[in-house]
Structures are given as structure tokens and as C-alpha cells.
Amino acid sequence: MATQIRLPEINFVVLSGRLTRDPELRFLASGKATASFGLASNRRFLNKTTNEWQDDATFVNIVVWDEAAQRVKDRLHKGSPVFVEGRLKFRQWDAPDGAKKSILEVVARRVQFLEAQGAVSGQETAQPAAQAAQGNGGRPKEPAADDSASAPLDRVSGTELRPEAAADVFGAPETQEVNDLEGVAL
């Protein structure tokens, strides 16, 4: 007699990348907000035959619910870098023409903005740097001893990705579960 193996029910997705389009905000009849956007996540690898580095992009649809949906719409735009935690969701529906449609998407539980507020297309505005220099006798701020080159760099903009520059879409360090509506076609 075969023993049954109990598998853990794990559906957890972690992605980072840039938005491929501006977030689209919608409201259900109940007043619940939902935002959706596309995310491009890149993988860089060495092609063994050509001995050249290549990029492989994966495009994923992301759905965000409730108050977080409004914050995503207000703060993000095409090209914004984000970090997303969530779960995979497969949906099916009948299109108006009678065709069966389906999609595999990520329902975001947490979206973290990796761009400082006020930054435009991955480049920070010059105003904060100028203000910091004025407060230091016109000189740029000296890097602290722990400000070494250990901070990761964004490959597209070349800016440092520092945890203090990232803003959590939920506004709190703890994660909050976002409940979605089952079977709602977006």
C-alpha cells in the first residue's frame, strides 16, 4: 500500500523589474479598487556558444487590490522599478465574442517602490542633492564609512538601490494580506 505524501500548499512569487505600462486603475461595482500593470523581469546569462552576455526578459501581469491599488496608480509609471511579492492566480472567462480566455497573473500581496519619490524615469531630481550640498557649506556630503560599493546598482539607471530609498506601497514594514475577489475578470 502506497503512503500518501502530503505536499505543502505553497504559492509564493517574488519578482523585481520595471513596469511595461502605466498602471490601470478600475473600480468594481462594490467600490473596491484594483490596479493592474505589466512587469518586465530580466535575466542576464552568458551564452556558451557565442560567449556573449544576453538578456532574457519575462513579462508578467500584476494585479493589486484596495488602497494599495490607488497608491500604485499615484506613484508608479511606465519604467518604474518595483519589487513584488504575491501569488500566482489562473483565471478563465468567456469573451463577448464567445471565445474562452485565460490568464496567469500575479496577485500582489506587497509592492515595494524602488524609486525615490519625485524621481523621474529612474533619475533623481537635482534639487535634493543641491539642498544637501547647501547644508554642508556647499560641499557634497562625504560618504560614511559604511557607504562602500556594497550597495547594489540598478542596471538600467545606474543608481544605488538602498533600502531606505524604497517605499513600501502599504506604508508599513510589516506585510499585509490583500484579499482578492475570486472569479472577477479585469
C-alpha atoms as a PDB file:
ATOM      1  CA  MET A   1       0.000   0.000   0.000  1.00  0.00           C
ATOM      2  CA  ALA A   2       1.430   3.368  -1.066  1.00  0.00           C
ATOM      3  CA  THR A   3       1.755   6.020   1.560  1.00  0.00           C
ATOM      4  CA  GLN A   4       0.269   9.353   0.754  1.00  0.00           C
ATOM      5  CA  ILE A   5       2.647  12.255   0.764  1.00  0.00           C
ATOM      6  CA  ARG A   6       1.179  15.481   1.984  1.00  0.00           C
ATOM      7  CA  LEU A   7       2.614  18.344  -0.039  1.00  0.00           C
ATOM      8  CA  PRO A   8       2.734  21.825   1.444  1.00  0.00           C
ATOM      9  CA  GLU A   9       0.462  24.287  -0.301  1.00  0.00           C
ATOM     10  CA  ILE A  10       2.943  26.906  -1.402  1.00  0.00           C
ATOM     11  CA  ASN A  11       2.098  29.572  -3.954  1.00  0.00           C
ATOM     12  CA  PHE A  12       4.590  32.385  -3.471  1.00  0.00           C
ATOM     13  CA  VAL A  13       6.124  34.623  -6.137  1.00  0.00           C
ATOM     14  CA  VAL A  14       8.919  37.179  -5.745  1.00  0.00           C
ATOM     15  CA  LEU A  15       9.791  39.405  -8.706  1.00  0.00           C
ATOM     16  CA  SER A  16      11.668  42.585  -9.398  1.00  0.00           C
ATOM     17  CA  GLY A  17      11.638  44.568 -12.583  1.00  0.00           C
ATOM     18  CA  ARG A  18      10.253  47.616 -14.339  1.00  0.00           C
ATOM     19  CA  LEU A  19       6.702  48.484 -15.342  1.00  0.00           C
ATOM     20  CA  THR A  20       5.974  47.941 -19.026  1.00  0.00           C
ATOM     21  CA  ARG A  21       2.947  50.253 -18.959  1.00  0.00           C
ATOM     22  CA  ASP A  22       1.302  52.775 -16.660  1.00  0.00           C
ATOM     23  CA  PRO A  23      -0.902  51.164 -14.000  1.00  0.00           C
ATOM     24  CA  GLU A  24      -4.561  50.921 -14.948  1.00  0.00           C
ATOM     25  CA  LEU A  25      -6.956  51.648 -12.067  1.00  0.00           C
ATOM     26  CA  ARG A  26     -10.512  50.265 -12.049  1.00  0.00           C
ATOM     27  CA  PHE A  27     -13.301  50.145  -9.504  1.00  0.00           C
ATOM     28  CA  LEU A  28     -15.704  47.245  -9.057  1.00  0.00           C
ATOM     29  CA  ALA A  29     -19.429  47.855  -8.562  1.00  0.00           C
ATOM     30  CA  SER A  30     -18.816  47.372  -4.827  1.00  0.00           C
ATOM     31  CA  GLY A  31     -16.346  50.295  -4.860  1.00  0.00           C
ATOM     32  CA  LYS A  32     -13.298  48.072  -4.384  1.00  0.00           C
ATOM     33  CA  ALA A  33     -10.231  49.386  -6.261  1.00  0.00           C
ATOM     34  CA  THR A  34      -7.970  47.242  -8.408  1.00  0.00           C
ATOM     35  CA  ALA A  35      -4.899  48.223 -10.406  1.00  0.00           C
ATOM     36  CA  SER A  36      -3.068  46.188 -12.999  1.00  0.00           C
ATOM     37  CA  PHE A  37       0.254  46.687 -14.731  1.00  0.00           C
ATOM     38  CA  GLY A  38       2.821  44.742 -16.692  1.00  0.00           C
ATOM     39  CA  LEU A  39       6.231  43.928 -15.247  1.00  0.00           C
ATOM     40  CA  ALA A  40       9.389  43.071 -17.181  1.00  0.00           C
ATOM     41  CA  SER A  41      11.870  40.978 -15.198  1.00  0.00           C
ATOM     42  CA  ASN A  42      15.273  40.407 -16.793  1.00  0.00           C
ATOM     43  CA  ARG A  43      17.687  37.512 -16.502  1.00  0.00           C
ATOM     44  CA  ARG A  44      21.253  38.044 -17.704  1.00  0.00           C
ATOM     45  CA  PHE A  45      23.239  34.978 -18.759  1.00  0.00           C
ATOM     46  CA  LEU A  46      26.367  34.027 -20.676  1.00  0.00           C
ATOM     47  CA  ASN A  47      25.595  32.323 -23.982  1.00  0.00           C
ATOM     48  CA  LYS A  48      28.046  29.399 -24.127  1.00  0.00           C
ATOM     49  CA  THR A  49      28.053  29.182 -27.938  1.00  0.00           C
ATOM     50  CA  THR A  50      28.676  32.884 -28.673  1.00  0.00           C
ATOM     51  CA  ASN A  51      30.460  33.635 -25.372  1.00  0.00           C
ATOM     52  CA  GLU A  52      28.413  36.857 -25.094  1.00  0.00           C
ATOM     53  CA  TRP A  53      26.146  38.135 -22.360  1.00  0.00           C
ATOM     54  CA  GLN A  54      22.458  38.074 -23.231  1.00  0.00           C
ATOM     55  CA  ASP A  55      19.318  39.362 -21.557  1.00  0.00           C
ATOM     56  CA  ASP A  56      16.170  37.276 -21.341  1.00  0.00           C
ATOM     57  CA  ALA A  57      13.070  39.273 -20.408  1.00  0.00           C
ATOM     58  CA  THR A  58       9.970  37.731 -18.858  1.00  0.00           C
ATOM     59  CA  PHE A  59       6.733  39.714 -18.939  1.00  0.00           C
ATOM     60  CA  VAL A  60       4.207  39.220 -16.135  1.00  0.00           C
ATOM     61  CA  ASN A  61       0.829  40.813 -15.407  1.00  0.00           C
ATOM     62  CA  ILE A  62       0.464  42.093 -11.831  1.00  0.00           C
ATOM     63  CA  VAL A  63      -2.826  42.843 -10.027  1.00  0.00           C
ATOM     64  CA  VAL A  64      -3.059  44.970  -6.851  1.00  0.00           C
ATOM     65  CA  TRP A  65      -6.202  45.480  -4.725  1.00  0.00           C
ATOM     66  CA  ASP A  66      -7.754  48.045  -2.367  1.00  0.00           C
ATOM     67  CA  GLU A  67      -5.821  51.081  -1.050  1.00  0.00           C
ATOM     68  CA  ALA A  68      -2.577  49.730  -2.487  1.00  0.00           C
ATOM     69  CA  ALA A  69      -4.109  49.930  -5.969  1.00  0.00           C
ATOM     70  CA  GLN A  70      -4.621  53.678  -5.611  1.00  0.00           C
ATOM     71  CA  ARG A  71      -1.064  54.182  -4.325  1.00  0.00           C
ATOM     72  CA  VAL A  72       0.326  52.176  -7.245  1.00  0.00           C
ATOM     73  CA  LYS A  73      -1.638  54.351  -9.704  1.00  0.00           C
ATOM     74  CA  ASP A  74      -0.498  57.567  -7.995  1.00  0.00           C
ATOM     75  CA  ARG A  75       3.206  56.745  -7.645  1.00  0.00           C
ATOM     76  CA  LEU A  76       4.204  54.379 -10.452  1.00  0.00           C
ATOM     77  CA  HIS A  77       4.556  54.869 -14.189  1.00  0.00           C
ATOM     78  CA  LYS A  78       5.985  53.020 -17.163  1.00  0.00           C
ATOM     79  CA  GLY A  79       9.644  52.252 -16.400  1.00  0.00           C
ATOM     80  CA  SER A  80       9.341  52.447 -12.593  1.00  0.00           C
ATOM     81  CA  PRO A  81      11.427  49.806 -10.777  1.00  0.00           C
ATOM     82  CA  VAL A  82       9.486  47.693  -8.254  1.00  0.00           C
ATOM     83  CA  PHE A  83       9.793  44.626  -6.054  1.00  0.00           C
ATOM     84  CA  VAL A  84       6.643  42.461  -5.945  1.00  0.00           C
ATOM     85  CA  GLU A  85       5.615  39.651  -3.584  1.00  0.00           C
ATOM     86  CA  GLY A  86       2.439  37.746  -4.265  1.00  0.00           C
ATOM     87  CA  ARG A  87       0.848  34.569  -5.533  1.00  0.00           C
ATOM     88  CA  LEU A  88       0.024  33.087  -8.919  1.00  0.00           C
ATOM     89  CA  LYS A  89      -3.603  33.150  -9.990  1.00  0.00           C
ATOM     90  CA  PHE A  90      -5.099  31.470 -13.065  1.00  0.00           C
ATOM     91  CA  ARG A  91      -8.354  32.976 -14.340  1.00  0.00           C
ATOM     92  CA  GLN A  92     -10.726  31.958 -17.122  1.00  0.00           C
ATOM     93  CA  TRP A  93     -13.690  33.805 -18.609  1.00  0.00           C
ATOM     94  CA  ASP A  94     -15.856  33.953 -21.705  1.00  0.00           C
ATOM     95  CA  ALA A  95     -15.159  36.884 -24.020  1.00  0.00           C
ATOM     96  CA  PRO A  96     -18.076  38.781 -25.577  1.00  0.00           C
ATOM     97  CA  ASP A  97     -17.385  37.004 -28.882  1.00  0.00           C
ATOM     98  CA  GLY A  98     -17.865  33.616 -27.136  1.00  0.00           C
ATOM     99  CA  ALA A  99     -14.176  32.678 -27.070  1.00  0.00           C
ATOM    100  CA  LYS A 100     -12.662  31.211 -23.890  1.00  0.00           C
ATOM    101  CA  LYS A 101      -9.967  33.481 -22.450  1.00  0.00           C
ATOM    102  CA  SER A 102      -7.467  32.730 -19.712  1.00  0.00           C
ATOM    103  CA  ILE A 103      -4.569  34.409 -17.993  1.00  0.00           C
ATOM    104  CA  LEU A 104      -1.911  33.549 -15.430  1.00  0.00           C
ATOM    105  CA  GLU A 105      -1.088  36.596 -13.324  1.00  0.00           C
ATOM    106  CA  VAL A 106       0.449  37.577 -10.004  1.00  0.00           C
ATOM    107  CA  VAL A 107      -1.900  38.891  -7.318  1.00  0.00           C
ATOM    108  CA  ALA A 108       0.391  41.216  -5.380  1.00  0.00           C
ATOM    109  CA  ARG A 109       0.466  40.995  -1.626  1.00  0.00           C
ATOM    110  CA  ARG A 110       3.234  43.574  -1.401  1.00  0.00           C
ATOM    111  CA  VAL A 111       4.643  46.065  -3.896  1.00  0.00           C
ATOM    112  CA  GLN A 112       7.766  47.954  -2.956  1.00  0.00           C
ATOM    113  CA  PHE A 113       8.741  51.075  -4.898  1.00  0.00           C
ATOM    114  CA  LEU A 114      12.458  51.081  -5.710  1.00  0.00           C
ATOM    115  CA  GLU A 115      12.495  54.658  -6.969  1.00  0.00           C
ATOM    116  CA  ALA A 116      12.704  57.671  -4.677  1.00  0.00           C
ATOM    117  CA  GLN A 117       9.525  59.748  -4.673  1.00  0.00           C
ATOM    118  CA  GLY A 118       9.975  62.612  -7.103  1.00  0.00           C
ATOM    119  CA  ALA A 119      12.407  60.667  -9.286  1.00  0.00           C
ATOM    120  CA  VAL A 120      11.703  60.799 -12.985  1.00  0.00           C
ATOM    121  CA  SER A 121      12.401  57.789 -15.214  1.00  0.00           C
ATOM    122  CA  GLY A 122      14.956  56.304 -12.843  1.00  0.00           C
ATOM    123  CA  GLN A 123      16.886  59.549 -12.369  1.00  0.00           C
ATOM    124  CA  GLU A 124      16.612  61.505  -9.148  1.00  0.00           C
ATOM    125  CA  THR A 125      15.985  65.223  -9.406  1.00  0.00           C
ATOM    126  CA  ALA A 126      18.950  67.520  -8.801  1.00  0.00           C
ATOM    127  CA  GLN A 127      17.098  69.588  -6.177  1.00  0.00           C
ATOM    128  CA  PRO A 128      17.613  67.235  -3.168  1.00  0.00           C
ATOM    129  CA  ALA A 129      21.339  66.952  -3.942  1.00  0.00           C
ATOM    130  CA  ALA A 130      21.648  70.733  -4.201  1.00  0.00           C
ATOM    131  CA  GLN A 131      19.809  71.188  -0.891  1.00  0.00           C
ATOM    132  CA  ALA A 132      22.104  68.661   0.805  1.00  0.00           C
ATOM    133  CA  ALA A 133      25.156  70.490  -0.529  1.00  0.00           C
ATOM    134  CA  GLN A 134      23.874  73.839   0.828  1.00  0.00           C
ATOM    135  CA  GLY A 135      23.527  72.315   4.296  1.00  0.00           C
ATOM    136  CA  ASN A 136      27.199  71.237   4.184  1.00  0.00           C
ATOM    137  CA  GLY A 137      28.817  74.559   3.235  1.00  0.00           C
ATOM    138  CA  GLY A 138      28.245  73.928  -0.470  1.00  0.00           C
ATOM    139  CA  ARG A 139      30.248  70.698  -0.439  1.00  0.00           C
ATOM    140  CA  PRO A 140      28.697  67.339  -1.318  1.00  0.00           C
ATOM    141  CA  LYS A 141      28.129  65.089   1.678  1.00  0.00           C
ATOM    142  CA  GLU A 142      31.069  62.832   2.416  1.00  0.00           C
ATOM    143  CA  PRO A 143      30.176  59.142   2.274  1.00  0.00           C
ATOM    144  CA  ALA A 144      30.044  57.398   5.633  1.00  0.00           C
ATOM    145  CA  ALA A 145      32.471  54.582   6.391  1.00  0.00           C
ATOM    146  CA  ASP A 146      29.769  52.014   5.690  1.00  0.00           C
ATOM    147  CA  ASP A 147      28.762  53.649   2.373  1.00  0.00           C
ATOM    148  CA  SER A 148      31.009  51.366   0.379  1.00  0.00           C
ATOM    149  CA  ALA A 149      30.359  49.996  -3.076  1.00  0.00           C
ATOM    150  CA  SER A 150      28.427  47.139  -1.491  1.00  0.00           C
ATOM    151  CA  ALA A 151      25.048  48.732  -2.298  1.00  0.00           C
ATOM    152  CA  PRO A 152      23.560  47.062  -5.373  1.00  0.00           C
ATOM    153  CA  LEU A 153      23.156  49.156  -8.501  1.00  0.00           C
ATOM    154  CA  ASP A 154      20.125  49.336 -10.743  1.00  0.00           C
ATOM    155  CA  ARG A 155      21.368  48.024 -14.097  1.00  0.00           C
ATOM    156  CA  VAL A 156      19.293  50.455 -16.141  1.00  0.00           C
ATOM    157  CA  SER A 157      19.686  53.777 -14.316  1.00  0.00           C
ATOM    158  CA  GLY A 158      22.983  53.047 -12.525  1.00  0.00           C
ATOM    159  CA  THR A 159      21.563  54.386  -9.244  1.00  0.00           C
ATOM    160  CA  GLU A 160      22.119  52.654  -5.909  1.00  0.00           C
ATOM    161  CA  LEU A 161      19.282  50.525  -4.584  1.00  0.00           C
ATOM    162  CA  ARG A 162      19.245  51.345  -0.884  1.00  0.00           C
ATOM    163  CA  PRO A 163      16.544  50.033   1.475  1.00  0.00           C
ATOM    164  CA  GLU A 164      15.911  53.484   2.926  1.00  0.00           C
ATOM    165  CA  ALA A 165      15.094  54.820  -0.574  1.00  0.00           C
ATOM    166  CA  ALA A 166      12.485  52.160  -1.165  1.00  0.00           C
ATOM    167  CA  ALA A 167       8.905  52.917  -0.178  1.00  0.00           C
ATOM    168  CA  ASP A 168       6.548  50.113   0.674  1.00  0.00           C
ATOM    169  CA  VAL A 169       3.213  50.513  -1.080  1.00  0.00           C
ATOM    170  CA  PHE A 170       1.436  49.593   2.154  1.00  0.00           C
ATOM    171  CA  GLY A 171       3.373  52.216   4.105  1.00  0.00           C
ATOM    172  CA  ALA A 172       4.411  49.807   6.859  1.00  0.00           C
ATOM    173  CA  PRO A 173       7.330  47.417   7.296  1.00  0.00           C
ATOM    174  CA  GLU A 174       5.043  44.500   8.047  1.00  0.00           C
ATOM    175  CA  THR A 175       3.266  42.839   5.169  1.00  0.00           C
ATOM    176  CA  GLN A 176      -0.488  42.957   4.893  1.00  0.00           C
ATOM    177  CA  GLU A 177      -2.544  40.337   3.144  1.00  0.00           C
ATOM    178  CA  VAL A 178      -4.628  41.659   0.274  1.00  0.00           C
ATOM    179  CA  ASN A 179      -7.785  39.668  -0.284  1.00  0.00           C
ATOM    180  CA  ASP A 180      -8.966  39.442  -3.858  1.00  0.00           C
ATOM    181  CA  LEU A 181     -12.330  38.608  -5.329  1.00  0.00           C
ATOM    182  CA  GLU A 182     -12.479  35.173  -6.877  1.00  0.00           C
ATOM    183  CA  GLY A 183     -13.600  34.940 -10.491  1.00  0.00           C
ATOM    184  CA  VAL A 184     -13.623  38.669 -11.305  1.00  0.00           C
ATOM    185  CA  ALA A 185     -12.496  39.392 -14.844  1.00  0.00           C
ATOM    186  CA  LEU A 186     -10.386  42.530 -15.083  1.00  0.00           C
END
